[in-house]
Amino acid sequence: MSTEAVVTVLPDGSRFFPDFILSVKGRQKLDGILLVDTKRAINDDLNVIPKTNVAHQKYGRAMILKKDGSRWFTIRYSEAHDKNEEDQILRPELLAHFV
């Protein structure tokens, strides 16, 4: 068994290691890979906005998720509000087409 880490470099030079690396059937990235990172707060941590926007060179942007009650939401950066916002309720069909 081998273990690998996937890292993306943030604009300030720090490293971002997503929580999960998923292989999703039908995803149009190398090996169907989707990077996923979970957050409790989506704007309080200084690195959350860069993590929402930065893209890994092979796998693309990580899907940032936040739990609200019993539901998980995808998080998107809003340029208009200059902050992260809840976007959609997480559904399985979003995994293959996340960009």
N, C-alpha and C. Protein backbone atom coordinates (compact mmCIF):
# COMPACT_ATOMS: atom_id res chain seq x y z
N MET A 1 0.85 -1.17 0.00
CA MET A 1 0.00 0.00 0.00
C MET A 1 0.89 1.24 0.00
N SER A 2 0.55 2.20 -0.86
CA SER A 2 1.32 3.44 -0.89
C SER A 2 0.45 4.59 -0.41
N THR A 3 1.11 5.58 0.13
CA THR A 3 0.41 6.76 0.62
C THR A 3 0.97 7.98 -0.10
N GLU A 4 0.10 8.82 -0.58
CA GLU A 4 0.53 10.04 -1.24
C GLU A 4 -0.21 11.23 -0.64
N ALA A 5 0.42 12.38 -0.70
CA ALA A 5 -0.22 13.62 -0.28
C ALA A 5 -0.39 14.49 -1.51
N VAL A 6 -1.49 15.18 -1.57
CA VAL A 6 -1.73 16.15 -2.63
C VAL A 6 -1.65 17.52 -2.00
N VAL A 7 -0.80 18.35 -2.56
CA VAL A 7 -0.60 19.69 -2.01
C VAL A 7 -0.81 20.73 -3.11
N THR A 8 -1.40 21.84 -2.72
CA THR A 8 -1.54 23.00 -3.60
C THR A 8 -0.89 24.17 -2.89
N VAL A 9 -0.12 24.95 -3.62
CA VAL A 9 0.54 26.11 -3.03
C VAL A 9 -0.40 27.31 -3.11
N LEU A 10 -0.63 27.95 -1.96
CA LEU A 10 -1.48 29.13 -1.89
C LEU A 10 -0.70 30.37 -2.35
N PRO A 11 -1.40 31.45 -2.70
CA PRO A 11 -0.71 32.65 -3.18
C PRO A 11 0.37 33.19 -2.24
N ASP A 12 0.21 32.99 -0.93
CA ASP A 12 1.22 33.48 0.02
C ASP A 12 2.39 32.52 0.19
N GLY A 13 2.38 31.41 -0.57
CA GLY A 13 3.47 30.43 -0.50
C GLY A 13 3.23 29.30 0.48
N SER A 14 2.19 29.40 1.32
CA SER A 14 1.89 28.30 2.25
C SER A 14 1.26 27.14 1.48
N ARG A 15 1.23 25.98 2.11
CA ARG A 15 0.74 24.78 1.44
C ARG A 15 -0.64 24.39 1.94
N PHE A 16 -1.46 23.91 1.04
CA PHE A 16 -2.84 23.50 1.31
C PHE A 16 -2.94 22.01 1.00
N PHE A 17 -3.25 21.23 2.04
CA PHE A 17 -3.46 19.79 1.93
C PHE A 17 -4.95 19.52 2.13
N PRO A 18 -5.72 19.25 1.07
CA PRO A 18 -7.16 18.97 1.23
C PRO A 18 -7.39 17.77 2.15
N ASP A 19 -8.55 17.76 2.81
CA ASP A 19 -8.88 16.69 3.74
C ASP A 19 -9.09 15.35 3.05
N PHE A 20 -9.69 15.38 1.86
CA PHE A 20 -10.05 14.14 1.17
C PHE A 20 -9.66 14.20 -0.30
N ILE A 21 -9.29 13.04 -0.84
CA ILE A 21 -9.00 12.88 -2.26
C ILE A 21 -9.94 11.77 -2.74
N LEU A 22 -10.91 12.13 -3.58
CA LEU A 22 -11.91 11.18 -4.06
C LEU A 22 -11.69 10.89 -5.53
N SER A 23 -11.98 9.68 -5.95
CA SER A 23 -12.02 9.33 -7.36
C SER A 23 -13.50 9.19 -7.71
N VAL A 24 -13.96 10.04 -8.63
CA VAL A 24 -15.39 10.13 -8.94
C VAL A 24 -15.62 9.68 -10.38
N LYS A 25 -16.47 8.69 -10.55
CA LYS A 25 -16.82 8.20 -11.88
C LYS A 25 -17.43 9.34 -12.70
N GLY A 26 -16.91 9.54 -13.91
CA GLY A 26 -17.44 10.56 -14.80
C GLY A 26 -16.79 11.93 -14.64
N ARG A 27 -15.89 12.06 -13.68
CA ARG A 27 -15.22 13.36 -13.50
C ARG A 27 -14.12 13.50 -14.53
N GLN A 28 -14.04 14.67 -15.17
CA GLN A 28 -13.11 14.91 -16.26
C GLN A 28 -11.77 15.49 -15.81
N LYS A 29 -11.24 14.99 -14.73
CA LYS A 29 -9.90 15.36 -14.26
C LYS A 29 -9.08 14.08 -14.21
N LEU A 30 -7.77 14.21 -14.07
CA LEU A 30 -6.88 13.06 -14.01
C LEU A 30 -7.41 12.03 -13.01
N ASP A 31 -7.63 10.81 -13.45
CA ASP A 31 -8.12 9.70 -12.61
C ASP A 31 -9.46 10.02 -11.93
N GLY A 32 -10.20 10.99 -12.44
CA GLY A 32 -11.49 11.34 -11.85
C GLY A 32 -11.37 11.98 -10.47
N ILE A 33 -10.19 12.53 -10.16
CA ILE A 33 -9.92 13.02 -8.81
C ILE A 33 -10.68 14.31 -8.50
N LEU A 34 -11.27 14.34 -7.31
CA LEU A 34 -11.89 15.54 -6.74
C LEU A 34 -11.28 15.74 -5.36
N LEU A 35 -10.74 16.92 -5.14
CA LEU A 35 -10.20 17.29 -3.84
C LEU A 35 -11.32 17.91 -3.02
N VAL A 36 -11.40 17.54 -1.74
CA VAL A 36 -12.47 18.04 -0.86
C VAL A 36 -11.84 18.49 0.46
N ASP A 37 -12.30 19.64 0.95
CA ASP A 37 -11.83 20.17 2.23
C ASP A 37 -13.05 20.63 3.02
N THR A 38 -13.10 20.30 4.29
CA THR A 38 -14.23 20.69 5.13
C THR A 38 -13.82 21.83 6.07
N LYS A 39 -14.78 22.72 6.33
CA LYS A 39 -14.53 23.87 7.18
C LYS A 39 -15.67 24.07 8.16
N ARG A 40 -15.33 24.54 9.36
CA ARG A 40 -16.35 24.95 10.33
C ARG A 40 -16.74 26.40 10.10
N ALA A 41 -15.75 27.23 9.81
CA ALA A 41 -15.98 28.65 9.53
C ALA A 41 -15.45 28.91 8.12
N ILE A 42 -16.19 29.66 7.34
CA ILE A 42 -15.81 29.84 5.94
C ILE A 42 -15.17 31.20 5.65
N ASN A 43 -15.09 32.08 6.63
CA ASN A 43 -14.46 33.37 6.42
C ASN A 43 -13.53 33.80 7.54
N ASP A 44 -13.52 33.10 8.67
CA ASP A 44 -12.73 33.52 9.83
C ASP A 44 -11.24 33.22 9.70
N ASP A 45 -10.92 32.09 9.11
CA ASP A 45 -9.53 31.69 8.93
C ASP A 45 -8.95 32.44 7.72
N LEU A 46 -7.78 33.01 7.85
CA LEU A 46 -7.19 33.80 6.76
C LEU A 46 -6.94 32.99 5.49
N ASN A 47 -6.79 31.67 5.60
CA ASN A 47 -6.51 30.85 4.43
C ASN A 47 -7.74 30.28 3.75
N VAL A 48 -8.93 30.46 4.29
CA VAL A 48 -10.11 29.82 3.71
C VAL A 48 -10.44 30.40 2.33
N ILE A 49 -10.41 31.71 2.18
CA ILE A 49 -10.71 32.29 0.86
C ILE A 49 -9.69 31.84 -0.18
N PRO A 50 -8.38 31.90 0.11
CA PRO A 50 -7.44 31.38 -0.89
C PRO A 50 -7.67 29.89 -1.20
N LYS A 51 -8.03 29.09 -0.22
CA LYS A 51 -8.29 27.67 -0.46
C LYS A 51 -9.50 27.48 -1.36
N THR A 52 -10.46 28.37 -1.28
CA THR A 52 -11.66 28.29 -2.11
C THR A 52 -11.32 28.59 -3.57
N ASN A 53 -10.34 29.44 -3.80
CA ASN A 53 -10.05 29.91 -5.15
C ASN A 53 -8.88 29.24 -5.85
N VAL A 54 -7.91 28.72 -5.10
CA VAL A 54 -6.71 28.16 -5.72
C VAL A 54 -7.03 26.82 -6.39
N ALA A 55 -6.32 26.54 -7.48
CA ALA A 55 -6.53 25.28 -8.20
C ALA A 55 -5.25 24.47 -8.24
N HIS A 56 -5.37 23.18 -7.99
CA HIS A 56 -4.26 22.25 -8.15
C HIS A 56 -4.03 22.10 -9.65
N GLN A 57 -2.78 22.00 -10.08
CA GLN A 57 -2.49 21.97 -11.52
C GLN A 57 -3.05 20.74 -12.22
N LYS A 58 -3.23 19.63 -11.56
CA LYS A 58 -3.78 18.43 -12.20
C LYS A 58 -5.26 18.21 -11.88
N TYR A 59 -5.69 18.56 -10.67
CA TYR A 59 -7.02 18.18 -10.20
C TYR A 59 -8.02 19.33 -10.11
N GLY A 60 -7.56 20.56 -10.29
CA GLY A 60 -8.46 21.71 -10.22
C GLY A 60 -8.71 22.18 -8.80
N ARG A 61 -9.76 22.99 -8.64
CA ARG A 61 -10.11 23.55 -7.33
C ARG A 61 -10.63 22.46 -6.40
N ALA A 62 -10.38 22.64 -5.13
CA ALA A 62 -10.96 21.74 -4.12
C ALA A 62 -12.39 22.17 -3.85
N MET A 63 -13.25 21.20 -3.64
CA MET A 63 -14.63 21.47 -3.21
C MET A 63 -14.56 21.75 -1.71
N ILE A 64 -14.93 22.95 -1.31
CA ILE A 64 -14.94 23.32 0.10
C ILE A 64 -16.36 23.08 0.62
N LEU A 65 -16.47 22.38 1.73
CA LEU A 65 -17.77 22.03 2.31
C LEU A 65 -17.90 22.54 3.73
N LYS A 66 -19.12 22.91 4.10
CA LYS A 66 -19.42 23.33 5.47
C LYS A 66 -20.74 22.67 5.87
N LYS A 67 -20.77 22.12 7.07
CA LYS A 67 -22.00 21.51 7.58
C LYS A 67 -22.84 22.56 8.29
N ASP A 68 -24.12 22.57 7.94
CA ASP A 68 -25.08 23.48 8.57
C ASP A 68 -26.25 22.62 9.02
N GLY A 69 -26.31 22.35 10.31
CA GLY A 69 -27.33 21.42 10.82
C GLY A 69 -27.03 20.02 10.33
N SER A 70 -27.96 19.41 9.63
CA SER A 70 -27.75 18.06 9.12
C SER A 70 -27.35 18.04 7.65
N ARG A 71 -27.20 19.23 7.05
CA ARG A 71 -26.88 19.31 5.62
C ARG A 71 -25.48 19.87 5.39
N TRP A 72 -24.84 19.39 4.34
CA TRP A 72 -23.56 19.90 3.90
C TRP A 72 -23.79 20.85 2.72
N PHE A 73 -23.08 21.97 2.73
CA PHE A 73 -23.17 22.94 1.65
C PHE A 73 -21.83 23.11 0.97
N THR A 74 -21.85 23.29 -0.36
CA THR A 74 -20.64 23.69 -1.06
C THR A 74 -20.44 25.19 -0.79
N ILE A 75 -19.20 25.61 -0.80
CA ILE A 75 -18.85 27.01 -0.52
C ILE A 75 -18.21 27.61 -1.77
N ARG A 76 -18.63 28.81 -2.10
CA ARG A 76 -18.08 29.57 -3.23
C ARG A 76 -17.67 30.95 -2.75
N TYR A 77 -16.64 31.48 -3.40
CA TYR A 77 -16.21 32.85 -3.11
C TYR A 77 -17.09 33.80 -3.91
N SER A 78 -17.61 34.83 -3.26
CA SER A 78 -18.41 35.86 -3.91
C SER A 78 -17.54 37.11 -4.08
N GLU A 79 -17.21 37.43 -5.34
CA GLU A 79 -16.45 38.66 -5.58
C GLU A 79 -17.25 39.88 -5.18
N ALA A 80 -18.56 39.85 -5.41
CA ALA A 80 -19.42 40.99 -5.10
C ALA A 80 -19.39 41.33 -3.61
N HIS A 81 -19.31 40.29 -2.76
CA HIS A 81 -19.31 40.49 -1.31
C HIS A 81 -17.92 40.33 -0.69
N ASP A 82 -16.93 39.93 -1.50
CA ASP A 82 -15.56 39.68 -1.06
C ASP A 82 -15.51 38.74 0.15
N LYS A 83 -16.27 37.65 0.05
CA LYS A 83 -16.24 36.64 1.11
C LYS A 83 -16.79 35.32 0.55
N ASN A 84 -16.57 34.26 1.32
CA ASN A 84 -17.14 32.96 0.97
C ASN A 84 -18.60 32.92 1.40
N GLU A 85 -19.39 32.17 0.63
CA GLU A 85 -20.82 32.02 0.94
C GLU A 85 -21.25 30.58 0.67
N GLU A 86 -22.29 30.14 1.38
CA GLU A 86 -22.87 28.84 1.08
C GLU A 86 -23.45 28.91 -0.32
N ASP A 87 -23.20 27.87 -1.12
CA ASP A 87 -23.62 27.87 -2.51
C ASP A 87 -24.78 26.90 -2.75
N GLN A 88 -24.53 25.61 -2.60
CA GLN A 88 -25.55 24.60 -2.88
C GLN A 88 -25.51 23.52 -1.80
N ILE A 89 -26.64 22.87 -1.60
CA ILE A 89 -26.66 21.68 -0.76
C ILE A 89 -25.90 20.60 -1.50
N LEU A 90 -25.01 19.92 -0.81
CA LEU A 90 -24.22 18.87 -1.42
C LEU A 90 -25.11 17.72 -1.85
N ARG A 91 -25.00 17.36 -3.13
CA ARG A 91 -25.72 16.22 -3.71
C ARG A 91 -24.71 15.40 -4.49
N PRO A 92 -24.86 14.09 -4.56
CA PRO A 92 -23.88 13.24 -5.26
C PRO A 92 -23.61 13.67 -6.70
N GLU A 93 -24.61 14.15 -7.42
CA GLU A 93 -24.41 14.52 -8.82
C GLU A 93 -23.50 15.74 -9.00
N LEU A 94 -23.25 16.50 -7.94
CA LEU A 94 -22.35 17.65 -8.04
C LEU A 94 -20.88 17.22 -8.11
N LEU A 95 -20.55 16.04 -7.61
CA LEU A 95 -19.16 15.62 -7.49
C LEU A 95 -18.47 15.51 -8.86
N ALA A 96 -19.11 14.91 -9.84
CA ALA A 96 -18.47 14.70 -11.13
C ALA A 96 -18.27 15.99 -11.91
N HIS A 97 -19.12 16.98 -11.67
CA HIS A 97 -19.09 18.19 -12.49
C HIS A 97 -18.58 19.43 -11.78
N PHE A 98 -18.05 19.27 -10.57
CA PHE A 98 -17.54 20.42 -9.83
C PHE A 98 -16.34 21.03 -10.56
N VAL A 99 -16.35 22.36 -10.69
CA VAL A 99 -15.22 23.06 -11.33
C VAL A 99 -14.67 24.12 -10.40
